[in-house]
N, C-alpha and C. Protein backbone atom coordinates (compact mmCIF):
# COMPACT_ATOMS: atom_id res chain seq x y z
N MET A 1 2.05 1.59 -6.16
CA MET A 1 2.46 0.07 -5.52
C MET A 1 4.12 0.55 -5.30
N SER A 2 4.84 1.27 -4.73
CA SER A 2 6.32 1.46 -4.63
C SER A 2 7.20 0.47 -4.57
N ASP A 3 6.82 -0.51 -3.80
CA ASP A 3 7.85 -1.35 -3.33
C ASP A 3 7.49 -2.79 -3.85
N PHE A 4 6.34 -3.11 -5.01
CA PHE A 4 6.24 -4.41 -5.73
C PHE A 4 7.05 -4.77 -6.34
N GLY A 5 8.06 -6.14 -6.18
CA GLY A 5 9.30 -6.16 -6.96
C GLY A 5 10.47 -6.12 -7.20
N ARG A 6 10.75 -5.00 -5.33
CA ARG A 6 11.52 -4.15 -5.01
C ARG A 6 12.41 -5.77 -4.54
N ALA A 7 14.22 -5.79 -4.25
CA ALA A 7 14.81 -7.29 -4.43
C ALA A 7 15.44 -6.43 -2.81
N GLY A 8 14.94 -7.90 -1.71
CA GLY A 8 15.37 -7.45 -0.38
C GLY A 8 13.92 -7.13 0.32
N PRO A 9 13.90 -7.14 1.69
CA PRO A 9 12.80 -7.22 2.54
C PRO A 9 12.36 -5.20 2.59
N PRO A 10 11.85 -5.36 2.84
CA PRO A 10 11.06 -3.54 2.45
C PRO A 10 11.44 -2.76 3.69
N ASP A 11 11.59 -1.33 3.60
CA ASP A 11 11.22 -0.55 4.93
C ASP A 11 10.45 -0.66 5.77
N ILE A 12 9.86 -0.68 6.89
CA ILE A 12 8.40 -1.44 7.76
C ILE A 12 8.31 -0.15 8.71
N ARG A 13 9.53 0.88 9.03
CA ARG A 13 9.90 1.60 9.72
C ARG A 13 8.96 3.39 9.41
N ASP A 14 7.74 3.55 9.66
CA ASP A 14 7.18 4.43 10.02
C ASP A 14 6.15 3.63 8.84
N THR A 15 5.88 2.86 9.18
CA THR A 15 4.26 2.49 8.06
C THR A 15 3.25 2.05 9.09
N TYR A 16 2.18 1.37 8.64
CA TYR A 16 1.36 0.24 9.48
C TYR A 16 0.13 -0.45 8.58
N SER A 17 0.60 -1.73 9.57
CA SER A 17 0.74 -2.91 8.77
C SER A 17 -0.85 -3.97 9.28
N LEU A 18 -1.52 -4.20 7.87
CA LEU A 18 -2.50 -5.14 8.25
C LEU A 18 -2.91 -5.44 7.72
N LEU A 19 -3.39 -7.05 9.12
CA LEU A 19 -3.81 -8.45 8.89
C LEU A 19 -4.70 -8.97 8.10
N VAL A 20 -4.73 -9.70 6.85
CA VAL A 20 -6.29 -9.68 6.23
C VAL A 20 -6.86 -11.09 6.39
N LEU A 21 -7.83 -11.24 7.14
CA LEU A 21 -8.04 -13.42 7.35
C LEU A 21 -9.41 -13.57 6.20
N ASN A 22 -8.82 -14.70 5.86
CA ASN A 22 -10.16 -15.27 5.15
C ASN A 22 -10.60 -14.86 3.61
N ILE A 23 -8.73 -14.72 3.00
CA ILE A 23 -8.78 -14.44 1.25
C ILE A 23 -9.03 -15.42 0.96
N THR A 24 -9.31 -15.29 -0.06
CA THR A 24 -9.80 -17.11 -1.30
C THR A 24 -7.92 -17.12 -1.92
N PHE A 25 -8.21 -18.53 -2.00
CA PHE A 25 -6.75 -18.93 -2.55
C PHE A 25 -7.03 -17.85 -4.20
N ARG A 26 -8.26 -17.83 -5.00
CA ARG A 26 -7.46 -17.21 -6.19
C ARG A 26 -7.09 -15.77 -5.93
N MET A 27 -6.73 -15.07 -4.87
CA MET A 27 -6.40 -14.07 -4.66
C MET A 27 -6.07 -13.85 -4.00
N SER A 28 -4.37 -14.19 -5.12
CA SER A 28 -2.91 -14.91 -4.44
C SER A 28 -1.68 -14.07 -4.87
N THR A 29 -2.08 -12.46 -5.71
CA THR A 29 -1.21 -11.94 -5.45
C THR A 29 -1.77 -10.22 -5.66
N ALA A 30 -0.54 -9.73 -5.16
CA ALA A 30 -1.10 -7.73 -4.96
C ALA A 30 -1.66 -7.42 -5.91
N ASP A 31 -1.81 -7.68 -7.40
CA ASP A 31 -2.67 -7.15 -8.23
C ASP A 31 -4.19 -7.85 -7.82
N ASP A 32 -4.70 -9.31 -7.29
CA ASP A 32 -5.63 -9.37 -7.24
C ASP A 32 -6.38 -8.32 -5.84
N LEU A 33 -5.30 -8.02 -4.73
CA LEU A 33 -5.55 -6.38 -3.83
C LEU A 33 -5.52 -5.41 -3.73
N PHE A 34 -4.53 -5.05 -4.12
CA PHE A 34 -4.60 -3.82 -5.12
C PHE A 34 -6.27 -2.82 -5.37
N PRO A 35 -7.25 -3.08 -6.15
CA PRO A 35 -8.41 -2.89 -6.31
C PRO A 35 -8.73 -2.44 -4.83
N LEU A 36 -8.88 -3.32 -3.82
CA LEU A 36 -9.54 -3.54 -2.45
C LEU A 36 -9.18 -2.26 -1.75
N PHE A 37 -7.64 -2.49 -1.86
CA PHE A 37 -7.10 -1.19 -0.35
C PHE A 37 -6.66 0.24 -1.24
N ASP A 38 -6.73 0.07 -2.79
CA ASP A 38 -6.20 1.06 -3.22
C ASP A 38 -6.93 2.64 -2.54
N LYS A 39 -8.28 1.91 -3.13
CA LYS A 39 -8.97 3.46 -2.93
C LYS A 39 -8.71 4.01 -1.95
N TYR A 40 -8.01 3.59 -0.63
CA TYR A 40 -8.82 3.69 0.92
C TYR A 40 -7.24 5.19 0.89
N GLY A 41 -6.19 4.69 0.11
CA GLY A 41 -5.08 5.57 1.18
C GLY A 41 -3.96 4.72 -0.54
N LYS A 42 -2.61 5.10 -0.68
CA LYS A 42 -1.84 5.02 -0.72
C LYS A 42 -0.80 3.80 -0.62
N PHE A 43 -1.24 2.40 -0.37
CA PHE A 43 0.04 1.78 0.48
C PHE A 43 0.67 1.39 -0.41
N VAL A 44 2.15 0.97 1.04
CA VAL A 44 3.26 0.41 0.74
C VAL A 44 3.36 -0.62 -0.48
N ASP A 45 2.94 -2.23 0.76
CA ASP A 45 3.06 -3.19 -0.08
C ASP A 45 2.03 -4.58 0.45
N VAL A 46 2.29 -5.40 -0.24
CA VAL A 46 1.21 -6.57 -0.32
C VAL A 46 2.05 -7.81 0.19
N PHE A 47 2.03 -8.68 1.63
CA PHE A 47 2.67 -9.43 0.99
C PHE A 47 1.90 -11.13 1.51
N ILE A 48 1.55 -12.12 0.85
CA ILE A 48 1.20 -13.09 0.55
C ILE A 48 2.02 -14.27 1.23
N PRO A 49 1.64 -14.86 2.51
CA PRO A 49 2.30 -16.00 2.67
C PRO A 49 1.70 -16.62 1.40
N ARG A 50 2.67 -17.88 1.76
CA ARG A 50 2.72 -19.18 0.80
C ARG A 50 3.48 -20.74 1.66
N ASP A 51 2.20 -21.38 1.10
CA ASP A 51 2.81 -23.07 1.05
C ASP A 51 4.86 -22.69 0.18
N ARG A 52 5.41 -23.53 1.30
CA ARG A 52 6.95 -23.38 0.51
C ARG A 52 6.85 -24.57 -0.73
N ARG A 53 5.85 -25.45 -0.66
CA ARG A 53 5.71 -26.42 -0.86
C ARG A 53 4.43 -26.98 -2.30
N THR A 54 3.97 -26.17 -2.50
CA THR A 54 2.75 -26.32 -3.24
C THR A 54 2.88 -24.52 -4.14
N GLY A 55 3.43 -23.35 -3.05
CA GLY A 55 3.29 -21.83 -3.56
C GLY A 55 1.61 -21.48 -3.12
N ASP A 56 0.29 -21.96 -2.68
CA ASP A 56 -0.19 -21.63 -2.28
C ASP A 56 -0.85 -21.30 -1.60
N SER A 57 -1.44 -19.66 -1.73
CA SER A 57 -1.62 -18.50 -0.53
C SER A 57 -2.23 -19.47 0.48
N TRP A 58 -2.17 -19.42 2.00
CA TRP A 58 -2.37 -19.84 3.06
C TRP A 58 -3.92 -19.04 3.58
N GLY A 59 -4.23 -18.18 3.15
CA GLY A 59 -5.50 -17.85 2.87
C GLY A 59 -5.51 -16.30 3.89
N TYR A 60 -4.50 -15.07 3.76
CA TYR A 60 -3.98 -14.13 4.64
C TYR A 60 -2.71 -13.48 3.92
N ALA A 61 -3.07 -12.08 4.35
CA ALA A 61 -1.97 -11.25 3.68
C ALA A 61 -1.92 -10.49 4.80
N PHE A 62 -1.03 -9.41 4.63
CA PHE A 62 -0.68 -8.25 5.12
C PHE A 62 -0.28 -7.13 4.12
N VAL A 63 -1.20 -6.10 4.29
CA VAL A 63 -0.92 -4.80 3.83
C VAL A 63 -0.56 -3.75 4.69
N ARG A 64 0.97 -2.76 3.74
CA ARG A 64 0.77 -2.29 4.77
C ARG A 64 -0.03 -0.96 3.44
N TYR A 65 0.28 0.74 4.49
CA TYR A 65 -0.09 1.91 4.00
C TYR A 65 1.19 2.82 4.86
N LYS A 66 1.21 3.91 4.93
CA LYS A 66 2.27 4.73 5.42
C LYS A 66 1.53 6.10 6.24
N TYR A 67 0.33 6.09 6.04
CA TYR A 67 -0.08 7.19 7.01
C TYR A 67 -1.62 6.15 7.92
N ALA A 68 -1.16 5.93 9.26
CA ALA A 68 -2.26 6.00 10.04
C ALA A 68 -3.60 5.94 10.15
N ASP A 69 -4.57 7.28 9.12
CA ASP A 69 -5.84 7.58 9.01
C ASP A 69 -6.23 6.46 8.06
N GLU A 70 -5.49 6.35 6.50
CA GLU A 70 -5.74 5.69 5.90
C GLU A 70 -5.89 4.56 6.02
N THR A 71 -4.98 3.94 6.91
CA THR A 71 -4.94 2.18 7.45
C THR A 71 -5.90 2.16 7.67
N GLN A 72 -6.38 3.27 9.08
CA GLN A 72 -8.11 3.12 9.89
C GLN A 72 -8.66 3.09 9.15
N LYS A 73 -8.98 3.60 7.85
CA LYS A 73 -10.28 3.61 7.21
C LYS A 73 -10.43 2.81 6.50
N ALA A 74 -8.90 2.35 5.70
CA ALA A 74 -9.28 0.75 5.29
C ALA A 74 -9.81 -0.41 6.45
N VAL A 75 -9.44 -0.76 7.44
CA VAL A 75 -9.92 -0.89 8.36
C VAL A 75 -11.57 -1.30 8.64
N ASP A 76 -12.23 -0.07 9.02
CA ASP A 76 -13.09 -0.04 9.16
C ASP A 76 -14.42 -0.24 7.71
N LYS A 77 -13.95 0.40 6.53
CA LYS A 77 -14.79 0.40 5.48
C LYS A 77 -14.43 -1.72 4.86
N LEU A 78 -13.14 -2.38 5.05
CA LEU A 78 -13.09 -3.49 4.68
C LEU A 78 -13.14 -5.17 5.27
N ASP A 79 -13.51 -4.29 6.60
CA ASP A 79 -13.23 -5.69 7.93
C ASP A 79 -14.77 -5.93 8.37
N GLY A 80 -15.09 -6.86 7.30
CA GLY A 80 -16.11 -8.08 8.12
C GLY A 80 -16.94 -7.72 6.17
N ARG A 81 -16.49 -7.10 5.54
CA ARG A 81 -16.82 -7.22 4.46
C ARG A 81 -16.46 -8.16 3.23
N VAL A 82 -17.32 -8.45 3.09
CA VAL A 82 -17.57 -10.07 1.42
C VAL A 82 -16.81 -9.62 0.02
N VAL A 83 -15.95 -10.13 -0.05
CA VAL A 83 -14.63 -10.82 -0.95
C VAL A 83 -14.97 -12.24 -1.88
N ASP A 84 -15.31 -11.99 -2.81
CA ASP A 84 -15.27 -13.48 -3.70
C ASP A 84 -16.19 -13.89 -2.95
N GLY A 85 -17.50 -13.89 -2.40
CA GLY A 85 -17.84 -14.92 -1.64
C GLY A 85 -17.52 -15.23 -0.24
N ARG A 86 -16.67 -14.88 0.57
CA ARG A 86 -15.78 -15.20 1.82
C ARG A 86 -15.76 -13.49 2.57
N GLU A 87 -15.95 -13.81 3.60
CA GLU A 87 -16.46 -12.55 4.58
C GLU A 87 -14.83 -12.32 5.14
N ILE A 88 -14.03 -11.60 4.61
CA ILE A 88 -12.72 -11.17 5.27
C ILE A 88 -13.02 -9.78 7.23
N MET A 89 -11.81 -10.98 7.27
CA MET A 89 -11.53 -9.82 8.53
C MET A 89 -10.64 -8.60 8.25
N VAL A 90 -9.75 -7.21 8.63
CA VAL A 90 -9.21 -6.57 8.35
C VAL A 90 -9.09 -6.26 9.86
N GLN A 91 -8.05 -5.95 10.32
CA GLN A 91 -7.34 -6.07 11.54
C GLN A 91 -5.82 -5.07 11.60
N PHE A 92 -5.32 -3.96 12.42
CA PHE A 92 -4.18 -4.23 12.15
C PHE A 92 -3.21 -5.57 13.03
N ALA A 93 -2.63 -5.65 12.48
CA ALA A 93 -1.20 -6.51 12.43
C ALA A 93 -0.70 -6.54 13.41
N LYS A 94 0.13 -7.40 14.09
CA LYS A 94 0.92 -6.79 15.82
C LYS A 94 1.73 -8.11 15.40
N TYR A 95 2.80 -7.69 16.02
CA TYR A 95 4.50 -7.99 15.65
C TYR A 95 5.56 -8.10 16.93
N GLY A 96 6.28 -9.22 17.22
CA GLY A 96 6.56 -8.50 18.33
C GLY A 96 6.94 -9.80 19.46
N PRO A 97 7.36 -9.98 20.36
CA PRO A 97 7.47 -11.48 21.17
C PRO A 97 6.47 -12.29 22.22
N ASP A 98 5.55 -10.21 21.91
CA ASP A 98 4.69 -10.19 23.55
C ASP A 98 3.55 -10.28 23.04
N VAL A 99 3.27 -10.70 21.36
CA VAL A 99 2.07 -10.89 20.60
C VAL A 99 1.65 -12.26 20.95
N GLU A 100 0.43 -12.63 21.17
CA GLU A 100 -0.63 -13.89 20.86
C GLU A 100 -0.36 -14.47 20.04
N ARG A 101 0.40 -15.80 20.34
CA ARG A 101 0.45 -16.76 18.80
C ARG A 101 -1.71 -16.66 18.29
N MET A 102 -1.22 -16.60 17.12
CA MET A 102 -2.92 -16.78 16.43
C MET A 102 -3.24 -18.59 16.86
């Protein structure tokens, strides 16, 4: 977990990002997600967006891996899996101005 706690934005060049949807609000830290994603490869970092007023998780996260094959393995193994009573969705994150809004 090399980038956890690092100051400033992490370097995202040459990484592969996953969007993880429908996580429970109890899974609110990188340490909560580490056991799920670590077994499929060495991931770079985790970002869990939070409500500015309350600090609560919004129920989704981004997980970045260094290698495409490890990222694909995480999608294959975790998409649709029930975690903490909820079926999570794991997909490649899409960025940029041409991406449809969710």
